[in-house]
Amino acid sequence: MDTRKYRVESSHPMRGPLLPGSGSADFFMGDRGLAIAVAAKSVTCPLGQEIRVVHVPSGEAVYRKTSAETYDSAE
């Protein structure tokens, strides 16, 4: 059984306190809530680009946001 049902993605590299690493443009996760939390706390490089959570089997974007224009590393 594939546990990577959700992809946190952007057309630009992402960084954030909940990401397993930084600089990648996509991460796979098994839990929808976790994927959305990771996306919500992440930003893109450069700032201000879109971050999406996609349900991999259906291709549906279940969450999307424009990353913050500023990044506070203390978050």
PDB file of N, CA and C in Angstrom:
ATOM      1  N   MET A   1       0.837  -1.178   0.000  1.00  0.00           N
ATOM      2  CA  MET A   1       0.000   0.000   0.000  1.00  0.00           C
ATOM      3  C   MET A   1       0.883   1.243   0.000  1.00  0.00           C
ATOM      4  N   ASP A   2       0.624   2.154  -0.925  1.00  0.00           N
ATOM      5  CA  ASP A   2       1.385   3.390  -1.008  1.00  0.00           C
ATOM      6  C   ASP A   2       0.853   4.370   0.027  1.00  0.00           C
ATOM      7  N   THR A   3       1.721   4.823   0.924  1.00  0.00           N
ATOM      8  CA  THR A   3       1.302   5.748   1.972  1.00  0.00           C
ATOM      9  C   THR A   3       1.546   7.202   1.581  1.00  0.00           C
ATOM     10  N   ARG A   4       2.044   7.443   0.386  1.00  0.00           N
ATOM     11  CA  ARG A   4       2.337   8.812  -0.051  1.00  0.00           C
ATOM     12  C   ARG A   4       1.154   9.359  -0.853  1.00  0.00           C
ATOM     13  N   LYS A   5       0.047   9.619  -0.179  1.00  0.00           N
ATOM     14  CA  LYS A   5      -1.178  10.030  -0.848  1.00  0.00           C
ATOM     15  C   LYS A   5      -1.240  11.526  -1.137  1.00  0.00           C
ATOM     16  N   TYR A   6      -0.423  12.336  -0.455  1.00  0.00           N
ATOM     17  CA  TYR A   6      -0.492  13.784  -0.617  1.00  0.00           C
ATOM     18  C   TYR A   6       0.884  14.342  -0.939  1.00  0.00           C
ATOM     19  N   ARG A   7       0.896  15.298  -1.867  1.00  0.00           N
ATOM     20  CA  ARG A   7       2.152  15.940  -2.263  1.00  0.00           C
ATOM     21  C   ARG A   7       2.043  17.431  -1.948  1.00  0.00           C
ATOM     22  N   VAL A   8       2.988  17.938  -1.165  1.00  0.00           N
ATOM     23  CA  VAL A   8       3.113  19.374  -0.935  1.00  0.00           C
ATOM     24  C   VAL A   8       4.052  19.849  -2.029  1.00  0.00           C
ATOM     25  N   GLU A   9       3.565  20.772  -2.883  1.00  0.00           N
ATOM     26  CA  GLU A   9       4.352  21.136  -4.057  1.00  0.00           C
ATOM     27  C   GLU A   9       4.309  22.630  -4.337  1.00  0.00           C
ATOM     28  N   SER A  10       5.288  23.058  -5.089  1.00  0.00           N
ATOM     29  CA  SER A  10       5.363  24.426  -5.577  1.00  0.00           C
ATOM     30  C   SER A  10       6.227  24.409  -6.825  1.00  0.00           C
ATOM     31  N   SER A  11       6.094  25.423  -7.644  1.00  0.00           N
ATOM     32  CA  SER A  11       6.972  25.526  -8.803  1.00  0.00           C
ATOM     33  C   SER A  11       8.308  26.150  -8.408  1.00  0.00           C
ATOM     34  N   HIS A  12       8.457  26.495  -7.134  1.00  0.00           N
ATOM     35  CA  HIS A  12       9.689  27.073  -6.593  1.00  0.00           C
ATOM     36  C   HIS A  12      10.118  26.279  -5.356  1.00  0.00           C
ATOM     37  N   PRO A  13      11.394  26.311  -4.997  1.00  0.00           N
ATOM     38  CA  PRO A  13      11.843  25.612  -3.781  1.00  0.00           C
ATOM     39  C   PRO A  13      11.122  26.147  -2.547  1.00  0.00           C
ATOM     40  N   MET A  14      10.892  25.262  -1.582  1.00  0.00           N
ATOM     41  CA  MET A  14      10.189  25.624  -0.346  1.00  0.00           C
ATOM     42  C   MET A  14      11.098  25.433   0.856  1.00  0.00           C
ATOM     43  N   ARG A  15      10.791  26.191   1.907  1.00  0.00           N
ATOM     44  CA  ARG A  15      11.463  26.012   3.194  1.00  0.00           C
ATOM     45  C   ARG A  15      10.459  26.273   4.296  1.00  0.00           C
ATOM     46  N   GLY A  16      10.706  25.700   5.455  1.00  0.00           N
ATOM     47  CA  GLY A  16       9.815  25.901   6.577  1.00  0.00           C
ATOM     48  C   GLY A  16      10.202  25.038   7.751  1.00  0.00           C
ATOM     49  N   PRO A  17       9.670  25.356   8.931  1.00  0.00           N
ATOM     50  CA  PRO A  17      10.054  24.640  10.148  1.00  0.00           C
ATOM     51  C   PRO A  17       9.577  23.189  10.203  1.00  0.00           C
ATOM     52  N   LEU A  18       8.577  22.820   9.415  1.00  0.00           N
ATOM     53  CA  LEU A  18       8.059  21.454   9.454  1.00  0.00           C
ATOM     54  C   LEU A  18       8.536  20.595   8.282  1.00  0.00           C
ATOM     55  N   LEU A  19       9.302  21.172   7.375  1.00  0.00           N
ATOM     56  CA  LEU A  19       9.786  20.405   6.227  1.00  0.00           C
ATOM     57  C   LEU A  19      10.974  19.536   6.628  1.00  0.00           C
ATOM     58  N   PRO A  20      11.059  18.334   6.074  1.00  0.00           N
ATOM     59  CA  PRO A  20      12.171  17.445   6.406  1.00  0.00           C
ATOM     60  C   PRO A  20      13.511  17.957   5.889  1.00  0.00           C
ATOM     61  N   GLY A  21      13.519  18.856   4.963  1.00  0.00           N
ATOM     62  CA  GLY A  21      14.723  19.480   4.413  1.00  0.00           C
ATOM     63  C   GLY A  21      14.277  20.726   3.687  1.00  0.00           C
ATOM     64  N   SER A  22      15.211  21.485   3.168  1.00  0.00           N
ATOM     65  CA  SER A  22      14.782  22.679   2.448  1.00  0.00           C
ATOM     66  C   SER A  22      15.367  22.672   1.053  1.00  0.00           C
ATOM     67  N   GLY A  23      14.762  23.445   0.197  1.00  0.00           N
ATOM     68  CA  GLY A  23      15.261  23.565  -1.152  1.00  0.00           C
ATOM     69  C   GLY A  23      14.563  22.692  -2.165  1.00  0.00           C
ATOM     70  N   SER A  24      13.727  21.775  -1.726  1.00  0.00           N
ATOM     71  CA  SER A  24      13.007  20.925  -2.661  1.00  0.00           C
ATOM     72  C   SER A  24      11.691  21.587  -3.051  1.00  0.00           C
ATOM     73  N   ALA A  25      11.165  21.203  -4.210  1.00  0.00           N
ATOM     74  CA  ALA A  25       9.909  21.783  -4.678  1.00  0.00           C
ATOM     75  C   ALA A  25       8.722  20.864  -4.432  1.00  0.00           C
ATOM     76  N   ASP A  26       8.938  19.654  -3.892  1.00  0.00           N
ATOM     77  CA  ASP A  26       7.806  18.793  -3.543  1.00  0.00           C
ATOM     78  C   ASP A  26       8.193  17.786  -2.463  1.00  0.00           C
ATOM     79  N   PHE A  27       7.204  17.459  -1.627  1.00  0.00           N
ATOM     80  CA  PHE A  27       7.353  16.500  -0.534  1.00  0.00           C
ATOM     81  C   PHE A  27       6.114  15.630  -0.505  1.00  0.00           C
ATOM     82  N   PHE A  28       6.281  14.338  -0.258  1.00  0.00           N
ATOM     83  CA  PHE A  28       5.155  13.405  -0.201  1.00  0.00           C
ATOM     84  C   PHE A  28       4.856  13.044   1.245  1.00  0.00           C
ATOM     85  N   MET A  29       3.544  12.952   1.564  1.00  0.00           N
ATOM     86  CA  MET A  29       3.105  12.622   2.914  1.00  0.00           C
ATOM     87  C   MET A  29       1.882  11.726   2.846  1.00  0.00           C
ATOM     88  N   GLY A  30       1.658  10.973   3.897  1.00  0.00           N
ATOM     89  CA  GLY A  30       0.539  10.051   3.932  1.00  0.00           C
ATOM     90  C   GLY A  30      -0.723  10.606   4.550  1.00  0.00           C
ATOM     91  N   ASP A  31      -0.616  11.704   5.283  1.00  0.00           N
ATOM     92  CA  ASP A  31      -1.749  12.251   6.019  1.00  0.00           C
ATOM     93  C   ASP A  31      -2.130  13.628   5.479  1.00  0.00           C
ATOM     94  N   ARG A  32      -3.402  13.820   5.160  1.00  0.00           N
ATOM     95  CA  ARG A  32      -3.881  15.084   4.597  1.00  0.00           C
ATOM     96  C   ARG A  32      -3.677  16.247   5.558  1.00  0.00           C
ATOM     97  N   GLY A  33      -4.047  16.069   6.808  1.00  0.00           N
ATOM     98  CA  GLY A  33      -3.902  17.135   7.794  1.00  0.00           C
ATOM     99  C   GLY A  33      -2.461  17.560   7.988  1.00  0.00           C
ATOM    100  N   LEU A  34      -1.559  16.591   8.043  1.00  0.00           N
ATOM    101  CA  LEU A  34      -0.140  16.899   8.184  1.00  0.00           C
ATOM    102  C   LEU A  34       0.374  17.645   6.960  1.00  0.00           C
ATOM    103  N   ALA A  35      -0.026  17.205   5.786  1.00  0.00           N
ATOM    104  CA  ALA A  35       0.412  17.859   4.556  1.00  0.00           C
ATOM    105  C   ALA A  35      -0.055  19.312   4.520  1.00  0.00           C
ATOM    106  N   ILE A  36      -1.286  19.565   4.927  1.00  0.00           N
ATOM    107  CA  ILE A  36      -1.817  20.929   4.943  1.00  0.00           C
ATOM    108  C   ILE A  36      -1.088  21.777   5.984  1.00  0.00           C
ATOM    109  N   ALA A  37      -0.813  21.214   7.156  1.00  0.00           N
ATOM    110  CA  ALA A  37      -0.076  21.953   8.190  1.00  0.00           C
ATOM    111  C   ALA A  37       1.322  22.323   7.710  1.00  0.00           C
ATOM    112  N   VAL A  38       1.993  21.384   7.049  1.00  0.00           N
ATOM    113  CA  VAL A  38       3.330  21.648   6.514  1.00  0.00           C
ATOM    114  C   VAL A  38       3.268  22.765   5.473  1.00  0.00           C
ATOM    115  N   ALA A  39       2.293  22.691   4.570  1.00  0.00           N
ATOM    116  CA  ALA A  39       2.146  23.724   3.538  1.00  0.00           C
ATOM    117  C   ALA A  39       1.849  25.086   4.157  1.00  0.00           C
ATOM    118  N   ALA A  40       0.986  25.105   5.166  1.00  0.00           N
ATOM    119  CA  ALA A  40       0.600  26.365   5.796  1.00  0.00           C
ATOM    120  C   ALA A  40       1.776  27.054   6.478  1.00  0.00           C
ATOM    121  N   LYS A  41       2.727  26.284   6.987  1.00  0.00           N
ATOM    122  CA  LYS A  41       3.882  26.843   7.694  1.00  0.00           C
ATOM    123  C   LYS A  41       5.086  27.075   6.789  1.00  0.00           C
ATOM    124  N   SER A  42       4.964  26.784   5.506  1.00  0.00           N
ATOM    125  CA  SER A  42       6.095  26.872   4.588  1.00  0.00           C
ATOM    126  C   SER A  42       6.036  28.125   3.718  1.00  0.00           C
ATOM    127  N   VAL A  43       7.167  28.501   3.189  1.00  0.00           N
ATOM    128  CA  VAL A  43       7.270  29.609   2.246  1.00  0.00           C
ATOM    129  C   VAL A  43       8.098  29.155   1.054  1.00  0.00           C
ATOM    130  N   THR A  44       8.024  29.920  -0.015  1.00  0.00           N
ATOM    131  CA  THR A  44       8.800  29.605  -1.210  1.00  0.00           C
ATOM    132  C   THR A  44      10.015  30.523  -1.311  1.00  0.00           C
ATOM    133  N   CYS A  45      10.954  30.108  -2.122  1.00  0.00           N
ATOM    134  CA  CYS A  45      12.130  30.912  -2.439  1.00  0.00           C
ATOM    135  C   CYS A  45      12.135  31.111  -3.948  1.00  0.00           C
ATOM    136  N   PRO A  46      11.822  32.268  -4.484  1.00  0.00           N
ATOM    137  CA  PRO A  46      11.576  33.533  -3.801  1.00  0.00           C
ATOM    138  C   PRO A  46      10.208  33.550  -3.114  1.00  0.00           C
ATOM    139  N   LEU A  47      10.074  34.445  -2.166  1.00  0.00           N
ATOM    140  CA  LEU A  47       8.827  34.570  -1.408  1.00  0.00           C
ATOM    141  C   LEU A  47       7.680  34.998  -2.308  1.00  0.00           C
ATOM    142  N   GLY A  48       6.462  34.645  -1.911  1.00  0.00           N
ATOM    143  CA  GLY A  48       5.266  35.109  -2.605  1.00  0.00           C
ATOM    144  C   GLY A  48       4.724  34.182  -3.675  1.00  0.00           C
ATOM    145  N   GLN A  49       5.250  32.969  -3.788  1.00  0.00           N
ATOM    146  CA  GLN A  49       4.784  32.015  -4.802  1.00  0.00           C
ATOM    147  C   GLN A  49       3.769  31.050  -4.187  1.00  0.00           C
ATOM    148  N   GLU A  50       3.045  30.329  -5.032  1.00  0.00           N
ATOM    149  CA  GLU A  50       1.994  29.427  -4.559  1.00  0.00           C
ATOM    150  C   GLU A  50       2.549  28.095  -4.059  1.00  0.00           C
ATOM    151  N   ILE A  51       1.936  27.603  -2.981  1.00  0.00           N
ATOM    152  CA  ILE A  51       2.201  26.268  -2.441  1.00  0.00           C
ATOM    153  C   ILE A  51       0.877  25.522  -2.461  1.00  0.00           C
ATOM    154  N   ARG A  52       0.894  24.264  -2.917  1.00  0.00           N
ATOM    155  CA  ARG A  52      -0.319  23.452  -3.035  1.00  0.00           C
ATOM    156  C   ARG A  52      -0.136  22.114  -2.332  1.00  0.00           C
ATOM    157  N   VAL A  53      -1.267  21.548  -1.860  1.00  0.00           N
ATOM    158  CA  VAL A  53      -1.310  20.161  -1.412  1.00  0.00           C
ATOM    159  C   VAL A  53      -2.196  19.442  -2.413  1.00  0.00           C
ATOM    160  N   VAL A  54      -1.648  18.408  -3.044  1.00  0.00           N
ATOM    161  CA  VAL A  54      -2.359  17.676  -4.086  1.00  0.00           C
ATOM    162  C   VAL A  54      -2.614  16.245  -3.621  1.00  0.00           C
ATOM    163  N   HIS A  55      -3.859  15.786  -3.762  1.00  0.00           N
ATOM    164  CA  HIS A  55      -4.199  14.393  -3.505  1.00  0.00           C
ATOM    165  C   HIS A  55      -3.695  13.607  -4.715  1.00  0.00           C
ATOM    166  N   VAL A  56      -2.652  12.820  -4.534  1.00  0.00           N
ATOM    167  CA  VAL A  56      -1.962  12.176  -5.652  1.00  0.00           C
ATOM    168  C   VAL A  56      -2.871  11.267  -6.485  1.00  0.00           C
ATOM    169  N   PRO A  57      -3.676  10.379  -5.881  1.00  0.00           N
ATOM    170  CA  PRO A  57      -4.501   9.488  -6.712  1.00  0.00           C
ATOM    171  C   PRO A  57      -5.474  10.216  -7.643  1.00  0.00           C
ATOM    172  N   SER A  58      -6.054  11.337  -7.175  1.00  0.00           N
ATOM    173  CA  SER A  58      -7.042  12.042  -7.994  1.00  0.00           C
ATOM    174  C   SER A  58      -6.459  13.239  -8.741  1.00  0.00           C
ATOM    175  N   GLY A  59      -5.328  13.763  -8.278  1.00  0.00           N
ATOM    176  CA  GLY A  59      -4.747  14.957  -8.876  1.00  0.00           C
ATOM    177  C   GLY A  59      -5.403  16.246  -8.418  1.00  0.00           C
ATOM    178  N   GLU A  60      -6.345  16.156  -7.465  1.00  0.00           N
ATOM    179  CA  GLU A  60      -7.081  17.322  -6.972  1.00  0.00           C
ATOM    180  C   GLU A  60      -6.230  18.119  -5.982  1.00  0.00           C
ATOM    181  N   ALA A  61      -6.194  19.441  -6.155  1.00  0.00           N
ATOM    182  CA  ALA A  61      -5.543  20.317  -5.189  1.00  0.00           C
ATOM    183  C   ALA A  61      -6.497  20.494  -4.012  1.00  0.00           C
ATOM    184  N   VAL A  62      -6.124  20.004  -2.839  1.00  0.00           N
ATOM    185  CA  VAL A  62      -6.995  20.075  -1.666  1.00  0.00           C
ATOM    186  C   VAL A  62      -6.694  21.285  -0.794  1.00  0.00           C
ATOM    187  N   TYR A  63      -5.574  21.956  -1.051  1.00  0.00           N
ATOM    188  CA  TYR A  63      -5.196  23.164  -0.317  1.00  0.00           C
ATOM    189  C   TYR A  63      -4.223  23.942  -1.182  1.00  0.00           C
ATOM    190  N   ARG A  64      -4.363  25.263  -1.162  1.00  0.00           N
ATOM    191  CA  ARG A  64      -3.390  26.114  -1.848  1.00  0.00           C
ATOM    192  C   ARG A  64      -3.294  27.447  -1.145  1.00  0.00           C
ATOM    193  N   LYS A  65      -2.108  28.027  -1.185  1.00  0.00           N
ATOM    194  CA  LYS A  65      -1.891  29.339  -0.580  1.00  0.00           C
ATOM    195  C   LYS A  65      -0.742  30.022  -1.304  1.00  0.00           C
ATOM    196  N   THR A  66      -0.718  31.324  -1.212  1.00  0.00           N
ATOM    197  CA  THR A  66       0.425  32.099  -1.668  1.00  0.00           C
ATOM    198  C   THR A  66       1.297  32.293  -0.454  1.00  0.00           C
ATOM    199  N   SER A  67       2.561  31.924  -0.569  1.00  0.00           N
ATOM    200  CA  SER A  67       3.425  32.014   0.603  1.00  0.00           C
ATOM    201  C   SER A  67       3.597  33.466   1.029  1.00  0.00           C
ATOM    202  N   ALA A  68       3.910  33.655   2.287  1.00  0.00           N
ATOM    203  CA  ALA A  68       4.044  34.986   2.866  1.00  0.00           C
ATOM    204  C   ALA A  68       5.086  35.807   2.123  1.00  0.00           C
ATOM    205  N   GLU A  69       4.876  37.086   2.125  1.00  0.00           N
ATOM    206  CA  GLU A  69       5.855  37.979   1.505  1.00  0.00           C
ATOM    207  C   GLU A  69       7.086  38.144   2.381  1.00  0.00           C
ATOM    208  N   THR A  70       6.974  37.784   3.656  1.00  0.00           N
ATOM    209  CA  THR A  70       8.119  37.834   4.568  1.00  0.00           C
ATOM    210  C   THR A  70       8.224  36.488   5.254  1.00  0.00           C
ATOM    211  N   TYR A  71       9.392  36.188   5.760  1.00  0.00           N
ATOM    212  CA  TYR A  71       9.620  34.911   6.438  1.00  0.00           C
ATOM    213  C   TYR A  71      10.248  35.185   7.788  1.00  0.00           C
ATOM    214  N   ASP A  72       9.583  34.742   8.833  1.00  0.00           N
ATOM    215  CA  ASP A  72      10.099  34.876  10.189  1.00  0.00           C
ATOM    216  C   ASP A  72      10.636  33.526  10.611  1.00  0.00           C
ATOM    217  N   SER A  73      11.942  33.386  10.695  1.00  0.00           N
ATOM    218  CA  SER A  73      12.535  32.082  11.017  1.00  0.00           C
ATOM    219  C   SER A  73      12.222  31.624  12.435  1.00  0.00           C
ATOM    220  N   ALA A  74      11.668  32.481  13.260  1.00  0.00           N
ATOM    221  CA  ALA A  74      11.309  32.106  14.629  1.00  0.00           C
ATOM    222  C   ALA A  74       9.988  31.357  14.689  1.00  0.00           C
ATOM    223  N   GLU A  75       9.250  31.258  13.570  1.00  0.00           N
ATOM    224  CA  GLU A  75       7.948  30.570  13.591  1.00  0.00           C
ATOM    225  C   GLU A  75       8.104  29.109  13.874  1.00  0.00           C
TER     226      GLU A  75
END
